[in-house]
Protein backbone atom coordinates (compact mmCIF):
# COMPACT_ATOMS: atom_id res chain seq x y z
CA MET A 1 -14.01 2.70 6.22
CA ILE A 2 -14.04 -0.83 7.65
CA GLY A 3 -10.59 -2.02 8.65
CA TYR A 4 -9.42 -5.64 8.47
CA VAL A 5 -6.24 -7.64 9.15
CA CYS A 6 -6.99 -11.24 8.19
CA LYS A 7 -6.98 -12.95 4.77
CA TYR A 8 -10.25 -14.67 5.72
CA ALA A 9 -12.05 -11.37 6.42
CA PRO A 10 -15.16 -11.02 4.19
CA LEU A 11 -14.29 -7.52 3.00
CA GLU A 12 -16.05 -7.94 -0.38
CA ILE A 13 -19.39 -8.02 1.46
CA PHE A 14 -18.79 -4.48 2.74
CA GLU A 15 -17.57 -3.33 -0.66
CA ALA A 16 -20.75 -4.72 -2.26
CA MET A 17 -22.69 -2.54 0.19
CA GLY A 18 -20.78 0.56 -0.92
CA THR A 19 -18.43 0.70 2.08
CA GLU A 20 -14.73 1.28 1.63
CA THR A 21 -12.39 -1.26 3.24
CA GLY A 22 -8.75 -0.95 4.20
CA ARG A 23 -6.12 -3.34 5.44
CA ILE A 24 -4.67 -2.14 8.73
CA GLN A 25 -0.89 -1.96 8.59
CA PRO A 26 0.11 -0.33 11.88
CA GLN A 27 2.76 2.39 11.81
CA VAL A 28 2.84 3.12 15.53
CA THR A 29 5.96 4.02 17.50
CA ASN A 30 5.01 2.67 20.93
CA PHE A 31 2.36 0.78 22.92
CA ASN A 32 1.72 3.41 25.59
CA GLN A 33 -2.07 3.07 25.45
CA ALA A 34 -2.26 -0.62 24.55
CA ASP A 35 -0.03 -1.63 27.45
CA THR A 36 -2.55 -0.16 29.89
CA LEU A 37 -5.42 -2.10 28.29
CA MET A 38 -3.92 -5.47 27.34
CA HIS A 39 -1.88 -8.20 29.01
CA PRO A 40 1.93 -7.85 28.58
CA ASN A 41 2.11 -11.17 26.70
CA VAL A 42 -0.52 -10.31 24.10
CA CYS A 43 0.87 -10.35 20.55
CA SER A 44 2.51 -7.02 19.67
CA PHE A 45 0.60 -6.91 16.39
CA ALA A 46 -2.71 -6.85 18.29
CA LYS A 47 -1.36 -4.01 20.44
CA ALA A 48 -0.20 -2.13 17.35
CA VAL A 49 -3.65 -2.44 15.77
CA LEU A 50 -5.26 -1.13 18.96
CA GLU A 51 -2.86 1.84 19.00
CA GLU A 52 -3.52 2.52 15.31
CA VAL A 53 -7.30 2.54 15.74
CA MET A 54 -7.20 4.62 18.93
CA GLY A 55 -5.07 7.24 17.17
CA ASN A 56 -6.97 7.28 13.86
CA ASP A 57 -10.58 8.34 13.23
CA VAL A 58 -10.69 7.04 9.66
CA TYR A 59 -12.25 3.69 10.66
CA GLU A 60 -16.00 3.42 11.26
CA GLY A 61 -15.36 -0.12 12.38
CA LEU A 62 -13.26 -3.28 12.15
CA VAL A 63 -13.97 -6.83 11.12
CA LEU A 64 -11.74 -9.39 12.84
CA THR A 65 -11.56 -13.19 12.81
CA THR A 66 -11.06 -15.79 15.52
CA CYS A 67 -7.59 -16.64 14.24
CA CYS A 68 -5.92 -16.52 17.66
CA ASP A 69 -6.39 -15.51 21.30
CA SER A 70 -4.73 -12.13 20.72
CA MET A 71 -7.35 -11.20 18.12
CA ARG A 72 -10.08 -12.22 20.59
CA ARG A 73 -8.54 -9.96 23.23
CA LEU A 74 -8.23 -7.18 20.66
CA TYR A 75 -11.93 -7.57 19.86
CA ASP A 76 -12.84 -7.34 23.57
CA ASN A 77 -10.83 -4.15 23.99
CA LEU A 78 -12.15 -2.52 20.81
CA LYS A 79 -15.75 -3.26 21.79
CA GLU A 80 -15.17 -1.65 25.17
CA GLN A 81 -13.26 1.38 23.86
CA PHE A 82 -15.49 2.07 20.84
CA PRO A 83 -19.12 1.22 21.69
CA ASN A 84 -20.36 3.43 18.83
CA LYS A 85 -18.27 1.79 16.11
CA PHE A 86 -18.96 -1.41 14.19
CA ILE A 87 -16.65 -3.96 15.81
CA TYR A 88 -17.30 -7.53 14.68
CA ILE A 89 -15.44 -10.83 14.93
CA CYS A 90 -16.18 -13.69 12.52
CA ASP A 91 -15.82 -17.23 13.79
CA VAL A 92 -13.68 -18.88 11.08
CA PRO A 93 -13.68 -22.72 11.01
CA ARG A 94 -10.33 -24.53 11.01
CA LYS A 95 -11.50 -27.20 8.56
CA VAL A 96 -12.78 -26.81 5.02
CA THR A 97 -15.72 -29.18 4.60
CA GLY A 98 -19.28 -28.76 3.40
CA LEU A 99 -20.42 -28.41 7.01
CA SER A 100 -17.74 -25.87 7.97
CA VAL A 101 -18.51 -23.77 4.88
CA LYS A 102 -22.17 -23.75 5.93
CA VAL A 103 -21.14 -22.67 9.44
CA TYR A 104 -19.05 -19.81 8.02
CA GLU A 105 -21.90 -18.78 5.71
CA LYS A 106 -24.16 -18.46 8.78
CA SER A 107 -21.49 -16.39 10.51
CA LEU A 108 -21.37 -14.07 7.48
CA ARG A 109 -25.15 -13.72 7.49
CA ARG A 110 -25.07 -12.70 11.17
CA MET A 111 -22.37 -10.14 10.37
CA ILE A 112 -24.41 -8.75 7.47
CA ALA A 113 -27.49 -8.38 9.69
CA ALA A 114 -25.41 -6.58 12.32
CA TYR A 115 -23.88 -4.20 9.76
CA GLU A 116 -27.25 -3.49 8.12
CA GLU A 117 -28.59 -2.47 11.52
CA PHE A 118 -25.48 -0.37 12.25
CA SER A 119 -25.22 1.39 8.88
CA GLY A 120 -28.76 1.43 7.53
CA LYS A 121 -27.46 -0.09 4.29
CA THR A 122 -28.90 -3.18 2.61
CA PHE A 123 -26.95 -6.19 1.37
CA GLN A 124 -27.83 -7.67 -2.04
CA GLU A 125 -26.38 -11.03 -3.10
CA ASP A 126 -26.44 -9.94 -6.76
CA ALA A 127 -24.23 -6.96 -5.88
CA LEU A 128 -21.66 -9.28 -4.26
CA PHE A 129 -21.72 -11.64 -7.23
CA ASN A 130 -21.24 -8.78 -9.73
CA LEU A 131 -18.41 -7.30 -7.66
CA LEU A 132 -16.54 -10.61 -7.61
CA GLU A 133 -17.03 -11.03 -11.37
CA ARG A 134 -15.59 -7.55 -12.00
CA LYS A 135 -12.60 -8.33 -9.81
CA LYS A 136 -11.95 -11.56 -11.74
CA GLU A 137 -11.98 -9.65 -15.03
CA ALA A 138 -9.66 -6.99 -13.63
CA GLU A 139 -7.26 -9.72 -12.48
CA LYS A 140 -7.04 -11.05 -16.06
CA LEU A 141 -6.05 -7.61 -17.36
CA LYS A 142 -3.23 -7.16 -14.87
CA LYS A 143 0.21 -6.85 -16.42
CA ALA A 144 2.91 -9.28 -15.41
CA PRO A 145 5.18 -7.73 -12.76
CA GLU A 146 8.44 -6.25 -13.95
CA LYS A 147 11.30 -8.69 -13.56
CA LYS A 148 13.69 -7.76 -10.76
CA LYS A 149 17.07 -8.93 -9.59
CA LYS A 150 16.02 -11.02 -6.60
CA LYS A 151 12.93 -13.16 -6.16
CA ILE A 152 11.83 -13.44 -2.54
CA GLY A 153 9.02 -15.29 -0.79
CA LEU A 154 7.44 -13.79 2.33
CA MET A 155 6.08 -16.10 5.03
CA GLY A 156 5.17 -16.15 8.70
CA ALA A 157 3.19 -13.73 10.82
CA ARG A 158 1.77 -10.35 9.87
CA ALA A 159 4.48 -8.40 8.05
CA SER A 160 4.31 -4.61 8.15
CA ALA A 161 4.38 -2.37 5.09
CA GLY A 162 7.92 -1.43 6.14
CA VAL A 163 9.20 -4.97 5.54
CA ILE A 164 7.59 -5.16 2.10
CA ASN A 165 8.74 -1.67 1.13
CA LEU A 166 12.28 -2.54 2.18
CA LEU A 167 12.28 -5.48 -0.26
CA GLU A 168 10.86 -3.41 -3.10
CA ASN A 169 13.33 -0.58 -2.50
CA HIS A 170 16.15 -3.10 -2.91
CA GLU A 171 14.77 -4.34 -6.24
CA ALA A 172 13.44 -7.59 -4.86
CA GLU A 173 10.29 -9.10 -6.35
CA VAL A 174 7.93 -10.67 -3.80
CA LEU A 175 6.82 -13.85 -5.58
CA PHE A 176 4.31 -14.73 -2.88
CA ASP A 177 3.11 -13.44 0.47
CA LEU A 178 2.00 -16.26 2.76
CA THR A 179 1.86 -14.13 5.90
CA CYS A 180 -1.52 -14.11 7.62
CA THR A 181 -2.24 -10.62 6.29
CA GLY A 182 -0.88 -11.49 2.85
CA ILE A 183 -4.05 -10.70 0.92
CA GLN A 184 -3.74 -12.32 -2.51
CA ARG A 185 -7.43 -12.82 -3.14
CA LYS A 186 -8.79 -14.59 -6.19
CA LEU A 187 -12.29 -15.24 -4.94
CA GLY A 188 -15.48 -16.13 -6.73
CA ALA A 189 -19.09 -17.15 -6.18
CA LYS A 190 -21.85 -19.06 -7.96
CA LYS A 191 -24.94 -17.08 -8.89
CA GLU A 192 -27.26 -19.70 -7.34
CA GLN A 193 -25.54 -19.90 -3.93
CA VAL A 194 -23.70 -16.63 -3.67
CA LEU A 195 -22.89 -16.50 0.05
CA PHE A 196 -22.19 -20.22 0.39
CA SER A 197 -19.81 -20.29 -2.58
CA TYR A 198 -18.18 -17.03 -1.47
CA ALA A 199 -17.58 -18.49 2.02
CA GLU A 200 -16.15 -21.60 0.36
CA SER A 201 -13.70 -19.60 -1.76
CA LEU A 202 -12.60 -17.61 1.31
CA LEU A 203 -11.84 -20.77 3.27
CA ASN A 204 -10.05 -22.40 0.32
CA GLN A 205 -7.31 -19.78 0.11
CA ILE A 206 -3.74 -20.96 0.71
CA PRO A 207 -4.14 -21.88 4.40
CA CYS A 208 -2.65 -19.96 7.27
CA MET A 209 -1.03 -21.83 10.17
CA ARG A 210 -4.32 -21.93 12.05
CA MET A 211 -6.00 -24.08 9.41
CA GLN A 212 -5.98 -27.86 9.40
CA LYS A 213 -4.66 -27.91 5.82
CA ALA A 214 -1.56 -25.88 6.73
CA VAL A 215 0.60 -28.82 5.62
CA ASN A 216 -0.30 -27.85 2.04
CA ARG A 217 1.87 -24.75 2.40
CA GLU A 218 4.96 -26.87 1.80
CA ASN A 219 3.42 -28.25 -1.39
CA TYR A 220 2.74 -24.70 -2.55
CA LEU A 221 6.43 -23.82 -2.09
CA GLU A 222 7.52 -26.72 -4.27
CA GLY A 223 6.29 -24.88 -7.35
CA PHE A 224 8.56 -21.90 -6.61
CA LYS A 225 11.78 -23.68 -5.64
CA ASP A 226 13.50 -23.13 -8.99
CA GLU A 227 12.63 -19.41 -9.02
CA LEU A 228 13.25 -18.42 -5.41
CA ASP A 229 16.45 -16.73 -4.28
CA GLY A 230 15.31 -16.92 -0.69
CA ILE A 231 12.48 -16.68 1.84
CA ILE A 232 12.07 -14.06 4.54
CA TYR A 233 10.22 -15.60 7.46
CA HIS A 234 8.68 -12.88 9.60
CA THR A 235 7.61 -13.50 13.19
CA VAL A 236 6.02 -11.33 15.85
CA LYS A 237 6.91 -11.46 19.53
CA PHE A 238 4.72 -13.94 21.49
CA CYS A 239 3.40 -15.59 18.28
CA ASP A 240 4.60 -19.19 18.59
CA ASN A 241 2.75 -20.85 15.68
CA PHE A 242 5.03 -19.37 13.08
CA GLY A 243 8.19 -20.11 15.03
CA TYR A 244 7.32 -23.80 14.77
CA GLU A 245 6.79 -23.60 11.02
CA TYR A 246 10.11 -21.79 10.56
CA ALA A 247 12.01 -24.53 12.42
CA TRP A 248 10.21 -27.18 10.37
CA LEU A 249 10.87 -25.46 7.03
CA LYS A 250 14.51 -24.85 7.83
CA GLU A 251 15.13 -28.59 7.76
CA ARG A 252 13.22 -29.19 4.53
CA ILE A 253 13.41 -26.21 2.16
CA GLY A 254 16.47 -26.09 -0.05
CA VAL A 255 16.58 -22.28 -0.37
CA PRO A 256 18.04 -19.63 1.97
CA LEU A 257 15.66 -18.88 4.82
CA LEU A 258 16.03 -15.70 6.90
CA LEU A 259 14.16 -15.26 10.19
CA VAL A 260 13.17 -11.66 10.99
CA GLU A 261 11.28 -10.71 14.16
CA THR A 262 9.67 -7.31 14.69
CA ASP A 263 7.26 -5.97 17.29
CA SER A 264 4.93 -4.36 14.70
CA THR A 265 6.08 -0.84 15.49
CA LYS A 266 7.31 1.51 12.80
CA GLN A 267 10.52 0.20 11.27
CA LYS A 268 13.59 2.38 10.97
CA LYS A 269 14.05 4.14 7.66
CA SER A 270 16.44 2.46 5.20
CA MET A 271 19.14 5.08 4.59
CA GLU A 272 17.82 6.26 1.22
CA ASP A 273 20.35 9.12 1.10
CA GLY A 274 23.12 7.05 2.68
CA HIS A 275 22.69 8.67 6.11
CA MET A 276 20.97 7.82 9.37
CA TYR A 277 20.56 10.19 12.29
CA VAL A 278 19.55 9.14 15.80
CA LEU A 279 18.82 11.53 18.66
CA GLY A 280 19.00 10.52 22.30
CA ILE A 281 17.62 12.66 25.15
CA ASP A 282 18.39 12.00 28.81
CA SER A 283 15.86 13.86 30.94
CA GLY A 284 17.41 13.95 34.40
CA SER A 285 16.31 15.63 37.60
CA THR A 286 19.06 18.25 37.38
CA SER A 287 20.14 18.38 33.74
CA THR A 288 18.70 17.40 30.38
CA ASN A 289 21.25 16.03 27.93
CA ALA A 290 21.01 15.35 24.21
CA VAL A 291 23.23 13.78 21.57
CA ILE A 292 22.90 13.09 17.85
CA ILE A 293 24.89 10.31 16.15
CA ASN A 294 25.02 9.17 12.55
CA GLU A 295 25.14 5.76 10.86
CA LYS A 296 28.89 5.56 11.55
CA GLU A 297 28.23 6.06 15.28
CA GLU A 298 29.96 9.44 15.11
CA ILE A 299 28.72 12.22 17.43
CA LEU A 300 27.42 15.11 15.31
CA ALA A 301 26.27 17.32 18.18
CA SER A 302 25.65 17.22 21.92
CA HIS A 303 24.10 19.66 24.35
CA VAL A 304 23.35 20.02 28.10
CA ILE A 305 20.85 22.36 29.79
CA ARG A 306 19.30 22.62 33.25
CA THR A 307 16.04 20.69 33.55
CA GLY A 308 14.18 23.21 35.66
CA ALA A 309 10.63 22.74 36.91
CA LYS A 310 9.14 21.14 33.76
CA SER A 311 11.04 18.29 32.19
CA GLY A 312 8.82 18.25 29.08
CA GLU A 313 9.60 21.88 28.26
CA SER A 314 13.33 21.32 28.82
CA ALA A 315 13.24 18.36 26.44
CA GLU A 316 11.55 20.43 23.71
CA ARG A 317 14.10 23.21 24.13
CA ILE A 318 17.14 20.93 23.97
CA PHE A 319 15.57 19.14 21.01
CA ARG A 320 15.52 22.39 19.02
CA GLU A 321 18.97 23.50 20.14
CA VAL A 322 20.83 20.24 19.45
CA LEU A 323 19.22 20.01 15.99
CA GLU A 324 20.45 23.53 15.28
CA LYS A 325 23.95 22.58 16.44
CA ALA A 326 23.98 19.58 14.10
CA GLY A 327 22.54 21.55 11.18
CA LEU A 328 19.62 19.13 10.88
CA ALA A 329 15.83 19.38 10.78
CA LYS A 330 13.35 17.19 12.65
CA GLU A 331 12.50 15.44 9.37
CA ASN A 332 16.12 14.24 9.02
CA LEU A 333 15.90 12.14 12.18
CA ASP A 334 15.34 8.41 11.85
CA LEU A 335 14.80 7.73 15.54
CA VAL A 336 14.37 9.66 18.79
CA VAL A 337 14.92 7.80 22.07
CA SER A 338 14.34 9.22 25.54
CA THR A 339 15.72 8.05 28.88
CA GLY A 340 16.01 9.35 32.41
CA TYR A 341 13.42 10.04 35.06
CA GLY A 342 11.47 12.39 32.74
CA ARG A 343 11.54 10.11 29.70
CA VAL A 344 7.79 9.39 29.65
CA SER A 345 6.94 13.12 29.44
CA ILE A 346 8.79 13.44 26.11
CA ASP A 347 5.90 12.79 23.75
CA PHE A 348 7.88 13.31 20.52
CA ALA A 349 10.22 10.37 21.30
CA ASP A 350 9.71 7.22 19.24
CA GLU A 351 10.52 5.06 22.24
CA ASN A 352 11.69 5.41 25.82
CA ILE A 353 14.21 3.22 27.64
CA THR A 354 15.12 3.22 31.35
CA GLU A 355 18.42 4.81 32.28
CA ILE A 356 19.52 1.51 33.88
CA THR A 357 19.17 -0.25 30.53
CA CYS A 358 20.99 2.59 28.77
CA HIS A 359 23.86 2.41 31.28
CA GLY A 360 24.14 -1.32 30.78
CA ARG A 361 24.15 -1.16 26.99
CA GLY A 362 26.49 1.81 26.89
CA ALA A 363 29.01 0.27 29.29
CA HIS A 364 28.96 -3.03 27.40
CA TYR A 365 29.48 -1.20 24.09
CA PHE A 366 32.60 0.60 25.34
CA ASN A 367 33.97 -2.20 27.52
CA PRO A 368 32.26 -5.64 27.59
CA SER A 369 34.30 -6.69 30.64
CA VAL A 370 32.51 -4.17 32.89
CA HIS A 371 30.07 -5.81 35.32
CA THR A 372 29.27 -3.03 37.80
CA ILE A 373 28.01 0.50 37.18
CA LEU A 374 27.68 3.29 39.77
CA ASP A 375 25.12 5.90 38.70
CA ILE A 376 25.65 9.21 40.53
CA GLY A 377 22.56 11.26 39.62
CA GLY A 378 21.29 14.69 40.54
CA GLN A 379 18.49 13.30 42.72
CA ASP A 380 19.58 9.78 43.67
CA SER A 381 22.53 7.42 43.30
């Protein structure tokens, strides 16, 4: 499978060559590996993609685009980490003119040559043309979506599957997805100039913020104003382009606009059964402590054991015992957070937070007037 993340990725070329493609929607819980390979200020989506690929053997390669510096850095890291996979980055023009389409066509031809050499497969322009024709016919046969209570537009940076699923689970219909991974492709090609016309249709999609014609996005919204109940504007940490558009739209769009920022890690489950359970483990030098709370912030169970020589083994033991006390299974947990000096050795935790941060947040929760905390630990104070 060839993975992709960008709406301008030429995935139909791979499909015409008999290769499966798949949009990468990261469901990682942390950036443990990516943080050692990438700069701290690189977009969290790029880090999430790197984590996803490093932890998943399903991809024989990835096709990226030069949409931003983070994607370029991701490409560099993937090439270094996976020398035996097909890692390619297409140089996508910012303008849509006859010359820029020709430039992109040449870029696609270079990519095809590279993939033919990598895979041993052969590209046929007729196969691409026929594939696009079949997709157009299938689009005509699609049934109109079932009408739902709320009609929402999705804009901004790369939204995870969790954000979209959350909307659908709350009976919201996504009228449009203008995020940069919002693949709503209605592409075509002329039989005489297959690759040129295909490149042209790729570039003429509703523009992302990188494109010179991004101003047309506001015009596109005009047609939905009477239908929309609101817009969710998703941003990713360290991705400034979309923050600017949000501020600009807020002054001009006459519909509710909600800004949501995530870091592209797995989103918390939406209490489908009305409950949420969170487990915290404090792996200290002397004792290992655990607590489980519910959505009402009530303590369901707590437990303390001696840490011993191996903090990882102590964490696994207390994990089992506190679950038993609470009458819960591992699958019932929505989030596991570790802290303390042994926090990084707890590999089943979704995230780890320093004990200093935990002290600060905990003290502020119980008494916001507190400004000083004395931590008397088993090993240091």
